[in-house]
Each structure stands twice: as structure tokens, then as C-alpha cells.
Amino acid sequence: IDVSDPTTPLLVGSLPDIGDVFAVASVAPGIVCIADHRWNRLIVLDVRDPANPFELGSVPVVGDPRSIEVVSGYALAACGGYGLRVFDLSLPTAPIEVAVVHELPSAVVDVESS
């Protein structure tokens, strides 16, 4: 979506197999990670050509990813009652889950780095 004029956003490109996107985070210039809530997965996309985005890789997520933040090549995903899940994105074509934190006082619905 081109928002160079915020009063008239313009669809530039799309992908047909993406579900309900709850969050987007930058991995590197032109590479983003999205939380696909419908299919419960994280997807790494190449968006360097906005008119022709394509999927680099994806990984299933236990729970429903609601928020993501990428820090130093790792995606932190807030997955409600399924905790905070950590994914290694160093190989964008094959992201993998590397850790999960379950021992939290309530459902994780947002994650933010500082």
C-alpha cells in the first residue's frame, strides 16, 4: 500500500495466499515479517518490488500471532494464551522457532522492543 499521500492510500501489490495480517515488522531493507492470524504462521516476504511481493519462507505458529517485533534477526511473537514465541529469521527462506516463554501471568497480546 502506497501511503505517500495519506488521504488516498493506493494498493500497489498483494499476495493471494495471505490470511488475516495482524502485524508487520521490518527484518531488513525490503524484507518484512508478517503475523498471519488466519493460518497461524509467520511469513517472511520480499517487498523490494512493491508491485510484485513474494514469500521467502514461513513457519507455523502454535496459537494465534497477534503482534510481532523483530530484534537482531529474531521475531518475537505475542501468541495470546500460547505465550511469547521466538523465531530465528537469519535464514529468511527457512525461519524456525527457537524458544517459547509460557510462564507468564496472562495472555500475551503485544510485544515491543526498546
C-alpha atoms as a PDB file:
ATOM      1  CA  ILE A   1       0.000   0.000   0.000  1.00  0.00           C
ATOM      2  CA  ASP A   2       1.420   3.343  -1.061  1.00  0.00           C
ATOM      3  CA  VAL A   3       0.697   5.911   1.653  1.00  0.00           C
ATOM      4  CA  SER A   4       2.824   8.723   0.250  1.00  0.00           C
ATOM      5  CA  ASP A   5      -0.457  10.670   0.229  1.00  0.00           C
ATOM      6  CA  PRO A   6      -2.127   9.532   3.481  1.00  0.00           C
ATOM      7  CA  THR A   7      -5.501  10.862   2.361  1.00  0.00           C
ATOM      8  CA  THR A   8      -5.596   8.441  -0.587  1.00  0.00           C
ATOM      9  CA  PRO A   9      -3.807   5.152   0.146  1.00  0.00           C
ATOM     10  CA  LEU A  10      -3.219   3.132  -3.016  1.00  0.00           C
ATOM     11  CA  LEU A  11      -2.936  -0.640  -3.364  1.00  0.00           C
ATOM     12  CA  VAL A  12       0.300  -1.349  -5.216  1.00  0.00           C
ATOM     13  CA  GLY A  13       0.686  -5.121  -4.870  1.00  0.00           C
ATOM     14  CA  SER A  14      -0.755  -8.074  -2.988  1.00  0.00           C
ATOM     15  CA  LEU A  15      -0.435 -11.785  -2.317  1.00  0.00           C
ATOM     16  CA  PRO A  16      -3.455 -14.076  -2.672  1.00  0.00           C
ATOM     17  CA  ASP A  17      -2.493 -16.701  -0.065  1.00  0.00           C
ATOM     18  CA  ILE A  18      -2.100 -14.400   2.917  1.00  0.00           C
ATOM     19  CA  GLY A  19      -4.732 -14.681   5.648  1.00  0.00           C
ATOM     20  CA  ASP A  20      -5.564 -12.040   8.246  1.00  0.00           C
ATOM     21  CA  VAL A  21      -2.474  -9.928   8.871  1.00  0.00           C
ATOM     22  CA  PHE A  22      -2.365  -8.698  12.464  1.00  0.00           C
ATOM     23  CA  ALA A  23       1.171  -7.290  12.445  1.00  0.00           C
ATOM     24  CA  VAL A  24       4.102  -6.407  10.184  1.00  0.00           C
ATOM     25  CA  ALA A  25       7.723  -5.906  11.220  1.00  0.00           C
ATOM     26  CA  SER A  26      10.806  -4.995   9.203  1.00  0.00           C
ATOM     27  CA  VAL A  27      13.517  -7.670   9.068  1.00  0.00           C
ATOM     28  CA  ALA A  28      15.901  -5.833   6.722  1.00  0.00           C
ATOM     29  CA  PRO A  29      15.522  -3.260   3.937  1.00  0.00           C
ATOM     30  CA  GLY A  30      12.820  -4.666   1.638  1.00  0.00           C
ATOM     31  CA  ILE A  31      12.198  -7.741   3.811  1.00  0.00           C
ATOM     32  CA  VAL A  32       9.257  -7.926   6.239  1.00  0.00           C
ATOM     33  CA  CYS A  33       7.797 -10.493   8.593  1.00  0.00           C
ATOM     34  CA  ILE A  34       4.031 -10.679   8.993  1.00  0.00           C
ATOM     35  CA  ALA A  35       1.815 -12.391  11.557  1.00  0.00           C
ATOM     36  CA  ASP A  36      -0.847 -14.328   9.647  1.00  0.00           C
ATOM     37  CA  HIS A  37      -3.633 -14.776  12.187  1.00  0.00           C
ATOM     38  CA  ARG A  38      -5.947 -16.868   9.975  1.00  0.00           C
ATOM     39  CA  TRP A  39      -3.400 -19.587   9.150  1.00  0.00           C
ATOM     40  CA  ASN A  40      -1.383 -19.217  12.402  1.00  0.00           C
ATOM     41  CA  ARG A  41       2.015 -18.648  10.840  1.00  0.00           C
ATOM     42  CA  LEU A  42       4.768 -16.097  10.430  1.00  0.00           C
ATOM     43  CA  ILE A  43       5.634 -15.260   6.837  1.00  0.00           C
ATOM     44  CA  VAL A  44       8.811 -13.597   5.593  1.00  0.00           C
ATOM     45  CA  LEU A  45       8.197 -11.527   2.465  1.00  0.00           C
ATOM     46  CA  ASP A  46      10.423  -9.812  -0.058  1.00  0.00           C
ATOM     47  CA  VAL A  47       8.783  -6.451  -0.788  1.00  0.00           C
ATOM     48  CA  ARG A  48      11.681  -4.724  -2.558  1.00  0.00           C
ATOM     49  CA  ASP A  49       9.458  -4.512  -5.644  1.00  0.00           C
ATOM     50  CA  PRO A  50       6.169  -3.378  -4.040  1.00  0.00           C
ATOM     51  CA  ALA A  51       4.149  -4.289  -7.132  1.00  0.00           C
ATOM     52  CA  ASN A  52       5.444  -7.881  -7.001  1.00  0.00           C
ATOM     53  CA  PRO A  53       5.913  -9.035  -3.391  1.00  0.00           C
ATOM     54  CA  PHE A  54       6.706 -12.705  -2.841  1.00  0.00           C
ATOM     55  CA  GLU A  55       7.030 -15.133   0.032  1.00  0.00           C
ATOM     56  CA  LEU A  56      10.548 -16.121   1.048  1.00  0.00           C
ATOM     57  CA  GLY A  57       9.577 -18.516   3.802  1.00  0.00           C
ATOM     58  CA  SER A  58       7.094 -19.239   6.566  1.00  0.00           C
ATOM     59  CA  VAL A  59       6.793 -21.143   9.811  1.00  0.00           C
ATOM     60  CA  PRO A  60       3.694 -22.447  11.621  1.00  0.00           C
ATOM     61  CA  VAL A  61       2.911 -20.806  14.954  1.00  0.00           C
ATOM     62  CA  VAL A  62       1.211 -22.507  17.887  1.00  0.00           C
ATOM     63  CA  GLY A  63      -1.537 -20.101  18.905  1.00  0.00           C
ATOM     64  CA  ASP A  64      -2.614 -17.014  17.082  1.00  0.00           C
ATOM     65  CA  PRO A  65       0.150 -14.469  16.427  1.00  0.00           C
ATOM     66  CA  ARG A  66      -1.253 -11.056  17.296  1.00  0.00           C
ATOM     67  CA  SER A  67       1.839  -8.884  17.414  1.00  0.00           C
ATOM     68  CA  ILE A  68       5.451  -9.240  16.293  1.00  0.00           C
ATOM     69  CA  GLU A  69       8.669  -7.354  16.753  1.00  0.00           C
ATOM     70  CA  VAL A  70      11.960  -8.176  15.038  1.00  0.00           C
ATOM     71  CA  VAL A  71      15.133  -7.666  17.076  1.00  0.00           C
ATOM     72  CA  SER A  72      18.609  -8.678  15.879  1.00  0.00           C
ATOM     73  CA  GLY A  73      17.269 -11.236  13.417  1.00  0.00           C
ATOM     74  CA  TYR A  74      14.744 -12.772  15.802  1.00  0.00           C
ATOM     75  CA  ALA A  75      10.982 -12.378  15.571  1.00  0.00           C
ATOM     76  CA  LEU A  76       9.207 -12.128  18.917  1.00  0.00           C
ATOM     77  CA  ALA A  77       5.574 -13.149  18.504  1.00  0.00           C
ATOM     78  CA  ALA A  78       2.827 -12.481  21.044  1.00  0.00           C
ATOM     79  CA  CYS A  79       0.553 -15.525  20.791  1.00  0.00           C
ATOM     80  CA  GLY A  80      -2.165 -14.942  23.368  1.00  0.00           C
ATOM     81  CA  GLY A  81      -2.523 -17.809  25.830  1.00  0.00           C
ATOM     82  CA  TYR A  82       0.249 -19.697  23.994  1.00  0.00           C
ATOM     83  CA  GLY A  83       2.893 -17.311  25.278  1.00  0.00           C
ATOM     84  CA  LEU A  84       5.740 -15.379  23.715  1.00  0.00           C
ATOM     85  CA  ARG A  85       7.360 -17.333  20.895  1.00  0.00           C
ATOM     86  CA  VAL A  86      10.801 -16.587  19.417  1.00  0.00           C
ATOM     87  CA  PHE A  87      11.782 -17.330  15.810  1.00  0.00           C
ATOM     88  CA  ASP A  88      15.200 -17.208  14.168  1.00  0.00           C
ATOM     89  CA  LEU A  89      14.964 -15.295  10.876  1.00  0.00           C
ATOM     90  CA  SER A  90      18.663 -15.447   9.970  1.00  0.00           C
ATOM     91  CA  LEU A  91      17.728 -17.651   7.013  1.00  0.00           C
ATOM     92  CA  PRO A  92      14.580 -15.899   5.676  1.00  0.00           C
ATOM     93  CA  THR A  93      13.698 -18.846   3.433  1.00  0.00           C
ATOM     94  CA  ALA A  94      13.544 -21.176   6.469  1.00  0.00           C
ATOM     95  CA  PRO A  95      12.528 -19.372   9.671  1.00  0.00           C
ATOM     96  CA  ILE A  96      12.431 -21.625  12.745  1.00  0.00           C
ATOM     97  CA  GLU A  97      11.038 -21.420  16.255  1.00  0.00           C
ATOM     98  CA  VAL A  98      13.872 -21.406  18.791  1.00  0.00           C
ATOM     99  CA  ALA A  99      12.184 -20.610  22.121  1.00  0.00           C
ATOM    100  CA  VAL A 100       8.883 -20.126  23.883  1.00  0.00           C
ATOM    101  CA  VAL A 101       8.025 -18.456  27.174  1.00  0.00           C
ATOM    102  CA  HIS A 102       4.899 -19.958  28.776  1.00  0.00           C
ATOM    103  CA  GLU A 103       5.322 -18.834  32.381  1.00  0.00           C
ATOM    104  CA  LEU A 104       3.561 -15.508  32.028  1.00  0.00           C
ATOM    105  CA  PRO A 105       0.860 -14.072  34.309  1.00  0.00           C
ATOM    106  CA  SER A 106      -1.640 -13.587  31.461  1.00  0.00           C
ATOM    107  CA  ALA A 107      -2.108 -13.955  27.714  1.00  0.00           C
ATOM    108  CA  VAL A 108       0.491 -12.176  25.573  1.00  0.00           C
ATOM    109  CA  VAL A 109      -1.232  -9.825  23.135  1.00  0.00           C
ATOM    110  CA  ASP A 110       1.517  -7.352  22.292  1.00  0.00           C
ATOM    111  CA  VAL A 111       5.292  -7.191  22.110  1.00  0.00           C
ATOM    112  CA  GLU A 112       7.513  -4.143  21.769  1.00  0.00           C
ATOM    113  CA  SER A 113      11.262  -3.600  21.922  1.00  0.00           C
ATOM    114  CA  SER A 114      13.074  -0.506  23.064  1.00  0.00           C
END
